[in-house]
Amino acid sequence: TIPKELDEAAKVDGASHARIFFTMTLRLVMPILVTVFMLSFVG
């Protein structure tokens, strides 16, 4: 659901896949990360 145009814009600025993943994408998908953490913790 995260637009790929954000990744392409970051690549134009010289960002690598790791930087895009850790500094941009993880912040945008925080709700699902919390959900997976909760399910894993309870299990």
PDB file of all heavy atoms in Angstrom:
ATOM      1  N   THR A   1       0.815  -1.220   0.000  1.00  0.00           N
ATOM      2  CA  THR A   1       0.000   0.000   0.000  1.00  0.00           C
ATOM      3  C   THR A   1       0.849   1.272   0.000  1.00  0.00           C
ATOM      4  O   THR A   1       0.308   2.350  -0.238  1.00  0.00           O
ATOM      5  CB  THR A   1      -0.918   0.011   1.236  1.00  0.00           C
ATOM      6  OG1 THR A   1      -0.119   0.029   2.432  1.00  0.00           O
ATOM      7  CG2 THR A   1      -1.820  -1.218   1.258  1.00  0.00           C
ATOM      8  N   ILE A   2       2.139   1.157   0.268  1.00  0.00           N
ATOM      9  CA  ILE A   2       3.028   2.325   0.256  1.00  0.00           C
ATOM     10  C   ILE A   2       3.386   2.644  -1.197  1.00  0.00           C
ATOM     11  O   ILE A   2       3.869   1.772  -1.924  1.00  0.00           O
ATOM     12  CB  ILE A   2       4.302   2.067   1.072  1.00  0.00           C
ATOM     13  CG1 ILE A   2       3.940   1.607   2.489  1.00  0.00           C
ATOM     14  CG2 ILE A   2       5.175   3.301   1.112  1.00  0.00           C
ATOM     15  CD1 ILE A   2       3.125   2.597   3.277  1.00  0.00           C
ATOM     16  N   PRO A   3       3.149   3.858  -1.668  1.00  0.00           N
ATOM     17  CA  PRO A   3       3.446   4.186  -3.071  1.00  0.00           C
ATOM     18  C   PRO A   3       4.929   3.973  -3.398  1.00  0.00           C
ATOM     19  O   PRO A   3       5.812   4.398  -2.647  1.00  0.00           O
ATOM     20  CB  PRO A   3       3.053   5.663  -3.187  1.00  0.00           C
ATOM     21  CG  PRO A   3       2.094   5.892  -2.068  1.00  0.00           C
ATOM     22  CD  PRO A   3       2.527   4.997  -0.951  1.00  0.00           C
ATOM     23  N   LYS A   4       5.182   3.347  -4.511  1.00  0.00           N
ATOM     24  CA  LYS A   4       6.559   3.113  -4.940  1.00  0.00           C
ATOM     25  C   LYS A   4       7.241   4.399  -5.403  1.00  0.00           C
ATOM     26  O   LYS A   4       8.470   4.433  -5.514  1.00  0.00           O
ATOM     27  CB  LYS A   4       6.581   2.076  -6.068  1.00  0.00           C
ATOM     28  CG  LYS A   4       6.096   0.700  -5.630  1.00  0.00           C
ATOM     29  CD  LYS A   4       6.186  -0.305  -6.775  1.00  0.00           C
ATOM     30  CE  LYS A   4       5.704  -1.680  -6.320  1.00  0.00           C
ATOM     31  NZ  LYS A   4       5.782  -2.684  -7.416  1.00  0.00           N
ATOM     32  N   GLU A   5       6.450   5.412  -5.708  1.00  0.00           N
ATOM     33  CA  GLU A   5       7.044   6.687  -6.109  1.00  0.00           C
ATOM     34  C   GLU A   5       7.905   7.284  -4.997  1.00  0.00           C
ATOM     35  O   GLU A   5       8.869   8.011  -5.276  1.00  0.00           O
ATOM     36  CB  GLU A   5       5.939   7.677  -6.492  1.00  0.00           C
ATOM     37  CG  GLU A   5       5.224   7.352  -7.805  1.00  0.00           C
ATOM     38  CD  GLU A   5       4.228   6.228  -7.667  1.00  0.00           C
ATOM     39  OE1 GLU A   5       3.944   5.835  -6.504  1.00  0.00           O
ATOM     40  OE2 GLU A   5       3.717   5.737  -8.694  1.00  0.00           O
ATOM     41  N   LEU A   6       7.587   6.976  -3.742  1.00  0.00           N
ATOM     42  CA  LEU A   6       8.411   7.472  -2.640  1.00  0.00           C
ATOM     43  C   LEU A   6       9.803   6.847  -2.685  1.00  0.00           C
ATOM     44  O   LEU A   6      10.809   7.526  -2.454  1.00  0.00           O
ATOM     45  CB  LEU A   6       7.728   7.157  -1.309  1.00  0.00           C
ATOM     46  CG  LEU A   6       6.374   7.835  -1.059  1.00  0.00           C
ATOM     47  CD1 LEU A   6       5.795   7.361   0.268  1.00  0.00           C
ATOM     48  CD2 LEU A   6       6.531   9.344  -1.064  1.00  0.00           C
ATOM     49  N   ASP A   7       9.863   5.561  -3.000  1.00  0.00           N
ATOM     50  CA  ASP A   7      11.162   4.903  -3.118  1.00  0.00           C
ATOM     51  C   ASP A   7      11.960   5.459  -4.294  1.00  0.00           C
ATOM     52  O   ASP A   7      13.175   5.675  -4.190  1.00  0.00           O
ATOM     53  CB  ASP A   7      10.971   3.394  -3.294  1.00  0.00           C
ATOM     54  CG  ASP A   7      10.331   2.757  -2.079  1.00  0.00           C
ATOM     55  OD1 ASP A   7      10.045   3.488  -1.110  1.00  0.00           O
ATOM     56  OD2 ASP A   7      10.104   1.525  -2.087  1.00  0.00           O
ATOM     57  N   GLU A   8      11.262   5.690  -5.400  1.00  0.00           N
ATOM     58  CA  GLU A   8      11.955   6.211  -6.572  1.00  0.00           C
ATOM     59  C   GLU A   8      12.486   7.622  -6.318  1.00  0.00           C
ATOM     60  O   GLU A   8      13.590   7.970  -6.757  1.00  0.00           O
ATOM     61  CB  GLU A   8      11.007   6.205  -7.762  1.00  0.00           C
ATOM     62  CG  GLU A   8      10.561   4.803  -8.173  1.00  0.00           C
ATOM     63  CD  GLU A   8       9.516   4.829  -9.268  1.00  0.00           C
ATOM     64  OE1 GLU A   8       9.098   5.961  -9.643  1.00  0.00           O
ATOM     65  OE2 GLU A   8       9.106   3.752  -9.737  1.00  0.00           O
ATOM     66  N   ALA A   9      11.713   8.432  -5.607  1.00  0.00           N
ATOM     67  CA  ALA A   9      12.182   9.784  -5.289  1.00  0.00           C
ATOM     68  C   ALA A   9      13.387   9.733  -4.366  1.00  0.00           C
ATOM     69  O   ALA A   9      14.337  10.532  -4.501  1.00  0.00           O
ATOM     70  CB  ALA A   9      11.054  10.591  -4.646  1.00  0.00           C
ATOM     71  N   ALA A  10      13.393   8.804  -3.427  1.00  0.00           N
ATOM     72  CA  ALA A  10      14.535   8.676  -2.521  1.00  0.00           C
ATOM     73  C   ALA A  10      15.767   8.173  -3.261  1.00  0.00           C
ATOM     74  O   ALA A  10      16.905   8.582  -2.966  1.00  0.00           O
ATOM     75  CB  ALA A  10      14.183   7.738  -1.379  1.00  0.00           C
ATOM     76  N   LYS A  11      15.577   7.289  -4.246  1.00  0.00           N
ATOM     77  CA  LYS A  11      16.717   6.790  -5.028  1.00  0.00           C
ATOM     78  C   LYS A  11      17.331   7.911  -5.867  1.00  0.00           C
ATOM     79  O   LYS A  11      18.557   7.948  -6.066  1.00  0.00           O
ATOM     80  CB  LYS A  11      16.265   5.643  -5.930  1.00  0.00           C
ATOM     81  CG  LYS A  11      15.904   4.373  -5.181  1.00  0.00           C
ATOM     82  CD  LYS A  11      15.427   3.290  -6.146  1.00  0.00           C
ATOM     83  CE  LYS A  11      15.020   2.028  -5.398  1.00  0.00           C
ATOM     84  NZ  LYS A  11      14.501   0.974  -6.310  1.00  0.00           N
ATOM     85  N   VAL A  12      16.488   8.801  -6.368  1.00  0.00           N
ATOM     86  CA  VAL A  12      17.009   9.936  -7.134  1.00  0.00           C
ATOM     87  C   VAL A  12      17.923  10.799  -6.265  1.00  0.00           C
ATOM     88  O   VAL A  12      18.941  11.340  -6.734  1.00  0.00           O
ATOM     89  CB  VAL A  12      15.846  10.768  -7.711  1.00  0.00           C
ATOM     90  CG1 VAL A  12      16.360  12.052  -8.349  1.00  0.00           C
ATOM     91  CG2 VAL A  12      15.071   9.949  -8.732  1.00  0.00           C
ATOM     92  N   ASP A  13      17.575  10.907  -4.977  1.00  0.00           N
ATOM     93  CA  ASP A  13      18.405  11.687  -4.042  1.00  0.00           C
ATOM     94  C   ASP A  13      19.636  10.922  -3.567  1.00  0.00           C
ATOM     95  O   ASP A  13      20.400  11.448  -2.756  1.00  0.00           O
ATOM     96  CB  ASP A  13      17.565  12.103  -2.834  1.00  0.00           C
ATOM     97  CG  ASP A  13      16.463  13.077  -3.219  1.00  0.00           C
ATOM     98  OD1 ASP A  13      16.622  13.755  -4.245  1.00  0.00           O
ATOM     99  OD2 ASP A  13      15.442  13.142  -2.503  1.00  0.00           O
ATOM    100  N   GLY A  14      19.814   9.695  -4.066  1.00  0.00           N
ATOM    101  CA  GLY A  14      21.006   8.920  -3.723  1.00  0.00           C
ATOM    102  C   GLY A  14      20.841   7.973  -2.564  1.00  0.00           C
ATOM    103  O   GLY A  14      21.843   7.437  -2.051  1.00  0.00           O
ATOM    104  N   ALA A  15      19.627   7.718  -2.085  1.00  0.00           N
ATOM    105  CA  ALA A  15      19.408   6.816  -0.959  1.00  0.00           C
ATOM    106  C   ALA A  15      19.484   5.371  -1.422  1.00  0.00           C
ATOM    107  O   ALA A  15      19.012   5.023  -2.511  1.00  0.00           O
ATOM    108  CB  ALA A  15      18.054   7.094  -0.325  1.00  0.00           C
ATOM    109  N   SER A  16      20.071   4.521  -0.609  1.00  0.00           N
ATOM    110  CA  SER A  16      20.163   3.097  -0.907  1.00  0.00           C
ATOM    111  C   SER A  16      18.911   2.377  -0.404  1.00  0.00           C
ATOM    112  O   SER A  16      18.061   2.956   0.271  1.00  0.00           O
ATOM    113  CB  SER A  16      21.397   2.498  -0.243  1.00  0.00           C
ATOM    114  OG  SER A  16      21.315   2.642   1.162  1.00  0.00           O
ATOM    115  N   HIS A  17      18.799   1.069  -0.727  1.00  0.00           N
ATOM    116  CA  HIS A  17      17.651   0.301  -0.268  1.00  0.00           C
ATOM    117  C   HIS A  17      17.612   0.239   1.254  1.00  0.00           C
ATOM    118  O   HIS A  17      16.534   0.316   1.857  1.00  0.00           O
ATOM    119  CB  HIS A  17      17.707  -1.117  -0.853  1.00  0.00           C
ATOM    120  CG  HIS A  17      17.344  -1.184  -2.295  1.00  0.00           C
ATOM    121  ND1 HIS A  17      16.061  -0.955  -2.763  1.00  0.00           N
ATOM    122  CD2 HIS A  17      18.101  -1.457  -3.393  1.00  0.00           C
ATOM    123  CE1 HIS A  17      16.037  -1.088  -4.080  1.00  0.00           C
ATOM    124  NE2 HIS A  17      17.254  -1.397  -4.494  1.00  0.00           N
ATOM    125  N   ALA A  18      18.772   0.092   1.874  1.00  0.00           N
ATOM    126  CA  ALA A  18      18.811   0.015   3.336  1.00  0.00           C
ATOM    127  C   ALA A  18      18.348   1.320   3.978  1.00  0.00           C
ATOM    128  O   ALA A  18      17.585   1.316   4.951  1.00  0.00           O
ATOM    129  CB  ALA A  18      20.225  -0.332   3.800  1.00  0.00           C
ATOM    130  N   ARG A  19      18.788   2.434   3.429  1.00  0.00           N
ATOM    131  CA  ARG A  19      18.381   3.721   4.004  1.00  0.00           C
ATOM    132  C   ARG A  19      16.903   3.974   3.794  1.00  0.00           C
ATOM    133  O   ARG A  19      16.224   4.490   4.684  1.00  0.00           O
ATOM    134  CB  ARG A  19      19.203   4.839   3.378  1.00  0.00           C
ATOM    135  CG  ARG A  19      18.941   6.204   4.004  1.00  0.00           C
ATOM    136  CD  ARG A  19      19.885   7.261   3.471  1.00  0.00           C
ATOM    137  NE  ARG A  19      19.659   8.547   4.125  1.00  0.00           N
ATOM    138  CZ  ARG A  19      20.344   9.643   3.844  1.00  0.00           C
ATOM    139  NH1 ARG A  19      21.299   9.606   2.921  1.00  0.00           N
ATOM    140  NH2 ARG A  19      20.071  10.766   4.474  1.00  0.00           N
ATOM    141  N   ILE A  20      16.389   3.608   2.620  1.00  0.00           N
ATOM    142  CA  ILE A  20      14.950   3.765   2.370  1.00  0.00           C
ATOM    143  C   ILE A  20      14.150   2.894   3.334  1.00  0.00           C
ATOM    144  O   ILE A  20      13.125   3.325   3.887  1.00  0.00           O
ATOM    145  CB  ILE A  20      14.630   3.405   0.907  1.00  0.00           C
ATOM    146  CG1 ILE A  20      15.302   4.393  -0.045  1.00  0.00           C
ATOM    147  CG2 ILE A  20      13.127   3.374   0.673  1.00  0.00           C
ATOM    148  CD1 ILE A  20      15.181   4.017  -1.500  1.00  0.00           C
ATOM    149  N   PHE A  21      14.642   1.697   3.562  1.00  0.00           N
ATOM    150  CA  PHE A  21      13.918   0.756   4.422  1.00  0.00           C
ATOM    151  C   PHE A  21      13.891   1.228   5.870  1.00  0.00           C
ATOM    152  O   PHE A  21      12.839   1.254   6.511  1.00  0.00           O
ATOM    153  CB  PHE A  21      14.568  -0.625   4.311  1.00  0.00           C
ATOM    154  CG  PHE A  21      13.983  -1.653   5.235  1.00  0.00           C
ATOM    155  CD1 PHE A  21      12.728  -2.182   4.998  1.00  0.00           C
ATOM    156  CD2 PHE A  21      14.691  -2.089   6.347  1.00  0.00           C
ATOM    157  CE1 PHE A  21      12.186  -3.123   5.850  1.00  0.00           C
ATOM    158  CE2 PHE A  21      14.159  -3.032   7.198  1.00  0.00           C
ATOM    159  CZ  PHE A  21      12.903  -3.550   6.955  1.00  0.00           C
ATOM    160  N   PHE A  22      15.047   1.615   6.402  1.00  0.00           N
ATOM    161  CA  PHE A  22      15.128   1.929   7.829  1.00  0.00           C
ATOM    162  C   PHE A  22      14.635   3.337   8.157  1.00  0.00           C
ATOM    163  O   PHE A  22      14.070   3.547   9.234  1.00  0.00           O
ATOM    164  CB  PHE A  22      16.571   1.771   8.314  1.00  0.00           C
ATOM    165  CG  PHE A  22      17.009   0.337   8.450  1.00  0.00           C
ATOM    166  CD1 PHE A  22      17.865  -0.233   7.516  1.00  0.00           C
ATOM    167  CD2 PHE A  22      16.559  -0.434   9.502  1.00  0.00           C
ATOM    168  CE1 PHE A  22      18.268  -1.552   7.636  1.00  0.00           C
ATOM    169  CE2 PHE A  22      16.953  -1.754   9.636  1.00  0.00           C
ATOM    170  CZ  PHE A  22      17.805  -2.317   8.694  1.00  0.00           C
ATOM    171  N   THR A  23      14.840   4.296   7.296  1.00  0.00           N
ATOM    172  CA  THR A  23      14.513   5.684   7.630  1.00  0.00           C
ATOM    173  C   THR A  23      13.162   6.145   7.104  1.00  0.00           C
ATOM    174  O   THR A  23      12.617   7.125   7.615  1.00  0.00           O
ATOM    175  CB  THR A  23      15.593   6.628   7.073  1.00  0.00           C
ATOM    176  OG1 THR A  23      15.637   6.514   5.637  1.00  0.00           O
ATOM    177  CG2 THR A  23      16.962   6.271   7.641  1.00  0.00           C
ATOM    178  N   MET A  24      12.596   5.447   6.123  1.00  0.00           N
ATOM    179  CA  MET A  24      11.351   5.927   5.538  1.00  0.00           C
ATOM    180  C   MET A  24      10.240   4.877   5.595  1.00  0.00           C
ATOM    181  O   MET A  24       9.150   5.144   6.117  1.00  0.00           O
ATOM    182  CB  MET A  24      11.582   6.359   4.085  1.00  0.00           C
ATOM    183  CG  MET A  24      10.354   6.990   3.433  1.00  0.00           C
ATOM    184  SD  MET A  24      10.684   7.526   1.751  1.00  0.00           S
ATOM    185  CE  MET A  24      10.926   5.931   0.956  1.00  0.00           C
ATOM    186  N   THR A  25      10.507   3.689   5.091  1.00  0.00           N
ATOM    187  CA  THR A  25       9.439   2.703   4.961  1.00  0.00           C
ATOM    188  C   THR A  25       8.949   2.199   6.313  1.00  0.00           C
ATOM    189  O   THR A  25       7.735   2.060   6.527  1.00  0.00           O
ATOM    190  CB  THR A  25       9.929   1.519   4.108  1.00  0.00           C
ATOM    191  OG1 THR A  25      10.461   2.005   2.871  1.00  0.00           O
ATOM    192  CG2 THR A  25       8.789   0.561   3.830  1.00  0.00           C
ATOM    193  N   LEU A  26       9.870   1.925   7.222  1.00  0.00           N
ATOM    194  CA  LEU A  26       9.463   1.399   8.528  1.00  0.00           C
ATOM    195  C   LEU A  26       8.574   2.380   9.282  1.00  0.00           C
ATOM    196  O   LEU A  26       7.697   1.973  10.039  1.00  0.00           O
ATOM    197  CB  LEU A  26      10.697   1.055   9.365  1.00  0.00           C
ATOM    198  CG  LEU A  26      11.499  -0.162   8.914  1.00  0.00           C
ATOM    199  CD1 LEU A  26      12.631  -0.438   9.893  1.00  0.00           C
ATOM    200  CD2 LEU A  26      10.606  -1.399   8.794  1.00  0.00           C
ATOM    201  N   ARG A  27       8.786   3.673   9.106  1.00  0.00           N
ATOM    202  CA  ARG A  27       7.936   4.654   9.774  1.00  0.00           C
ATOM    203  C   ARG A  27       6.530   4.660   9.193  1.00  0.00           C
ATOM    204  O   ARG A  27       5.560   4.888   9.910  1.00  0.00           O
ATOM    205  CB  ARG A  27       8.554   6.042   9.646  1.00  0.00           C
ATOM    206  CG  ARG A  27       9.909   6.184  10.334  1.00  0.00           C
ATOM    207  CD  ARG A  27      10.453   7.589  10.173  1.00  0.00           C
ATOM    208  NE  ARG A  27      11.767   7.731  10.809  1.00  0.00           N
ATOM    209  CZ  ARG A  27      12.476   8.857  10.812  1.00  0.00           C
ATOM    210  NH1 ARG A  27      11.984   9.939  10.208  1.00  0.00           N
ATOM    211  NH2 ARG A  27      13.647   8.902  11.408  1.00  0.00           N
ATOM    212  N   LEU A  28       6.422   4.405   7.896  1.00  0.00           N
ATOM    213  CA  LEU A  28       5.110   4.428   7.260  1.00  0.00           C
ATOM    214  C   LEU A  28       4.294   3.176   7.551  1.00  0.00           C
ATOM    215  O   LEU A  28       3.069   3.206   7.436  1.00  0.00           O
ATOM    216  CB  LEU A  28       5.277   4.594   5.742  1.00  0.00           C
ATOM    217  CG  LEU A  28       5.938   5.902   5.280  1.00  0.00           C
ATOM    218  CD1 LEU A  28       6.144   5.879   3.766  1.00  0.00           C
ATOM    219  CD2 LEU A  28       5.116   7.103   5.688  1.00  0.00           C
ATOM    220  N   VAL A  29       4.952   2.085   7.898  1.00  0.00           N
ATOM    221  CA  VAL A  29       4.255   0.817   8.151  1.00  0.00           C
ATOM    222  C   VAL A  29       4.240   0.485   9.637  1.00  0.00           C
ATOM    223  O   VAL A  29       4.118  -0.678  10.016  1.00  0.00           O
ATOM    224  CB  VAL A  29       4.902  -0.333   7.347  1.00  0.00           C
ATOM    225  CG1 VAL A  29       4.806  -0.082   5.857  1.00  0.00           C
ATOM    226  CG2 VAL A  29       6.353  -0.525   7.764  1.00  0.00           C
ATOM    227  N   MET A  30       4.350   1.490  10.484  1.00  0.00           N
ATOM    228  CA  MET A  30       4.411   1.248  11.924  1.00  0.00           C
ATOM    229  C   MET A  30       3.184   0.517  12.456  1.00  0.00           C
ATOM    230  O   MET A  30       3.315  -0.350  13.341  1.00  0.00           O
ATOM    231  CB  MET A  30       4.603   2.579  12.656  1.00  0.00           C
ATOM    232  CG  MET A  30       4.872   2.415  14.145  1.00  0.00           C
ATOM    233  SD  MET A  30       6.325   1.389  14.490  1.00  0.00           S
ATOM    234  CE  MET A  30       7.627   2.419  13.775  1.00  0.00           C
ATOM    235  N   PRO A  31       1.940   0.779  11.994  1.00  0.00           N
ATOM    236  CA  PRO A  31       0.793   0.025  12.531  1.00  0.00           C
ATOM    237  C   PRO A  31       0.910  -1.475  12.346  1.00  0.00           C
ATOM    238  O   PRO A  31       0.614  -2.243  13.268  1.00  0.00           O
ATOM    239  CB  PRO A  31      -0.402   0.604  11.753  1.00  0.00           C
ATOM    240  CG  PRO A  31       0.034   1.982  11.396  1.00  0.00           C
ATOM    241  CD  PRO A  31       1.499   1.887  11.116  1.00  0.00           C
ATOM    242  N   ILE A  32       1.366  -1.923  11.176  1.00  0.00           N
ATOM    243  CA  ILE A  32       1.458  -3.364  10.957  1.00  0.00           C
ATOM    244  C   ILE A  32       2.629  -3.955  11.724  1.00  0.00           C
ATOM    245  O   ILE A  32       2.581  -5.117  12.152  1.00  0.00           O
ATOM    246  CB  ILE A  32       1.578  -3.671   9.443  1.00  0.00           C
ATOM    247  CG1 ILE A  32       1.353  -5.160   9.173  1.00  0.00           C
ATOM    248  CG2 ILE A  32       2.924  -3.231   8.908  1.00  0.00           C
ATOM    249  CD1 ILE A  32      -0.015  -5.637   9.536  1.00  0.00           C
ATOM    250  N   LEU A  33       3.676  -3.177  11.953  1.00  0.00           N
ATOM    251  CA  LEU A  33       4.790  -3.670  12.762  1.00  0.00           C
ATOM    252  C   LEU A  33       4.351  -3.889  14.202  1.00  0.00           C
ATOM    253  O   LEU A  33       4.727  -4.892  14.831  1.00  0.00           O
ATOM    254  CB  LEU A  33       5.957  -2.685  12.703  1.00  0.00           C
ATOM    255  CG  LEU A  33       6.609  -2.456  11.341  1.00  0.00           C
ATOM    256  CD1 LEU A  33       7.766  -1.472  11.466  1.00  0.00           C
ATOM    257  CD2 LEU A  33       7.099  -3.764  10.746  1.00  0.00           C
ATOM    258  N   VAL A  34       3.562  -2.958  14.722  1.00  0.00           N
ATOM    259  CA  VAL A  34       3.042  -3.121  16.085  1.00  0.00           C
ATOM    260  C   VAL A  34       2.100  -4.317  16.160  1.00  0.00           C
ATOM    261  O   VAL A  34       2.110  -5.079  17.143  1.00  0.00           O
ATOM    262  CB  VAL A  34       2.329  -1.835  16.526  1.00  0.00           C
ATOM    263  CG1 VAL A  34       1.663  -2.014  17.885  1.00  0.00           C
ATOM    264  CG2 VAL A  34       3.310  -0.674  16.575  1.00  0.00           C
ATOM    265  N   THR A  35       1.312  -4.528  15.120  1.00  0.00           N
ATOM    266  CA  THR A  35       0.396  -5.663  15.097  1.00  0.00           C
ATOM    267  C   THR A  35       1.154  -6.978  15.121  1.00  0.00           C
ATOM    268  O   THR A  35       0.831  -7.890  15.897  1.00  0.00           O
ATOM    269  CB  THR A  35      -0.490  -5.590  13.853  1.00  0.00           C
ATOM    270  OG1 THR A  35      -1.228  -4.368  13.859  1.00  0.00           O
ATOM    271  CG2 THR A  35      -1.450  -6.758  13.801  1.00  0.00           C
ATOM    272  N   VAL A  36       2.167  -7.100  14.269  1.00  0.00           N
ATOM    273  CA  VAL A  36       2.961  -8.333  14.230  1.00  0.00           C
ATOM    274  C   VAL A  36       3.700  -8.540  15.544  1.00  0.00           C
ATOM    275  O   VAL A  36       3.819  -9.668  16.041  1.00  0.00           O
ATOM    276  CB  VAL A  36       3.938  -8.285  13.038  1.00  0.00           C
ATOM    277  CG1 VAL A  36       4.893  -9.477  13.064  1.00  0.00           C
ATOM    278  CG2 VAL A  36       3.162  -8.271  11.730  1.00  0.00           C
ATOM    279  N   PHE A  37       4.190  -7.453  16.138  1.00  0.00           N
ATOM    280  CA  PHE A  37       4.867  -7.569  17.427  1.00  0.00           C
ATOM    281  C   PHE A  37       3.911  -8.091  18.497  1.00  0.00           C
ATOM    282  O   PHE A  37       4.270  -8.966  19.295  1.00  0.00           O
ATOM    283  CB  PHE A  37       5.424  -6.208  17.837  1.00  0.00           C
ATOM    284  CG  PHE A  37       6.010  -6.187  19.226  1.00  0.00           C
ATOM    285  CD1 PHE A  37       7.287  -6.657  19.453  1.00  0.00           C
ATOM    286  CD2 PHE A  37       5.269  -5.708  20.300  1.00  0.00           C
ATOM    287  CE1 PHE A  37       7.826  -6.652  20.730  1.00  0.00           C
ATOM    288  CE2 PHE A  37       5.796  -5.694  21.574  1.00  0.00           C
ATOM    289  CZ  PHE A  37       7.079  -6.173  21.796  1.00  0.00           C
ATOM    290  N   MET A  38       2.697  -7.580  18.523  1.00  0.00           N
ATOM    291  CA  MET A  38       1.733  -8.021  19.518  1.00  0.00           C
ATOM    292  C   MET A  38       1.369  -9.489  19.331  1.00  0.00           C
ATOM    293  O   MET A  38       1.315 -10.258  20.294  1.00  0.00           O
ATOM    294  CB  MET A  38       0.484  -7.152  19.446  1.00  0.00           C
ATOM    295  CG  MET A  38       0.698  -5.719  19.888  1.00  0.00           C
ATOM    296  SD  MET A  38      -0.794  -4.713  19.700  1.00  0.00           S
ATOM    297  CE  MET A  38      -1.934  -5.605  20.756  1.00  0.00           C
ATOM    298  N   LEU A  39       1.115  -9.883  18.107  1.00  0.00           N
ATOM    299  CA  LEU A  39       0.773 -11.281  17.848  1.00  0.00           C
ATOM    300  C   LEU A  39       1.923 -12.215  18.204  1.00  0.00           C
ATOM    301  O   LEU A  39       1.714 -13.287  18.787  1.00  0.00           O
ATOM    302  CB  LEU A  39       0.381 -11.451  16.380  1.00  0.00           C
ATOM    303  CG  LEU A  39      -0.872 -10.695  15.921  1.00  0.00           C
ATOM    304  CD1 LEU A  39      -1.099 -10.894  14.421  1.00  0.00           C
ATOM    305  CD2 LEU A  39      -2.089 -11.158  16.703  1.00  0.00           C
ATOM    306  N   SER A  40       3.136 -11.815  17.870  1.00  0.00           N
ATOM    307  CA  SER A  40       4.300 -12.629  18.204  1.00  0.00           C
ATOM    308  C   SER A  40       4.519 -12.692  19.711  1.00  0.00           C
ATOM    309  O   SER A  40       4.837 -13.748  20.269  1.00  0.00           O
ATOM    310  CB  SER A  40       5.550 -12.083  17.510  1.00  0.00           C
ATOM    311  OG  SER A  40       5.403 -12.074  16.109  1.00  0.00           O
ATOM    312  N   PHE A  41       4.349 -11.561  20.388  1.00  0.00           N
ATOM    313  CA  PHE A  41       4.556 -11.518  21.833  1.00  0.00           C
ATOM    314  C   PHE A  41       3.569 -12.430  22.551  1.00  0.00           C
ATOM    315  O   PHE A  41       3.950 -13.207  23.437  1.00  0.00           O
ATOM    316  CB  PHE A  41       4.409 -10.082  22.329  1.00  0.00           C
ATOM    317  CG  PHE A  41       4.663  -9.916  23.808  1.00  0.00           C
ATOM    318  CD1 PHE A  41       5.939  -9.644  24.266  1.00  0.00           C
ATOM    319  CD2 PHE A  41       3.626 -10.032  24.727  1.00  0.00           C
ATOM    320  CE1 PHE A  41       6.189  -9.486  25.618  1.00  0.00           C
ATOM    321  CE2 PHE A  41       3.859  -9.881  26.079  1.00  0.00           C
ATOM    322  CZ  PHE A  41       5.141  -9.615  26.526  1.00  0.00           C
ATOM    323  N   VAL A  42       2.305 -12.351  22.191  1.00  0.00           N
ATOM    324  CA  VAL A  42       1.297 -13.188  22.835  1.00  0.00           C
ATOM    325  C   VAL A  42       1.560 -14.667  22.556  1.00  0.00           C
ATOM    326  O   VAL A  42       1.432 -15.518  23.444  1.00  0.00           O
ATOM    327  CB  VAL A  42      -0.110 -12.781  22.369  1.00  0.00           C
ATOM    328  CG1 VAL A  42      -1.166 -13.726  22.917  1.00  0.00           C
ATOM    329  CG2 VAL A  42      -0.422 -11.358  22.798  1.00  0.00           C
ATOM    330  N   GLY A  43       1.948 -14.983  21.314  1.00  0.00           N
ATOM    331  CA  GLY A  43       2.226 -16.373  20.981  1.00  0.00           C
ATOM    332  C   GLY A  43       3.423 -16.931  21.734  1.00  0.00           C
ATOM    333  O   GLY A  43       3.379 -18.067  22.244  1.00  0.00           O
TER     334      GLY A  43
END
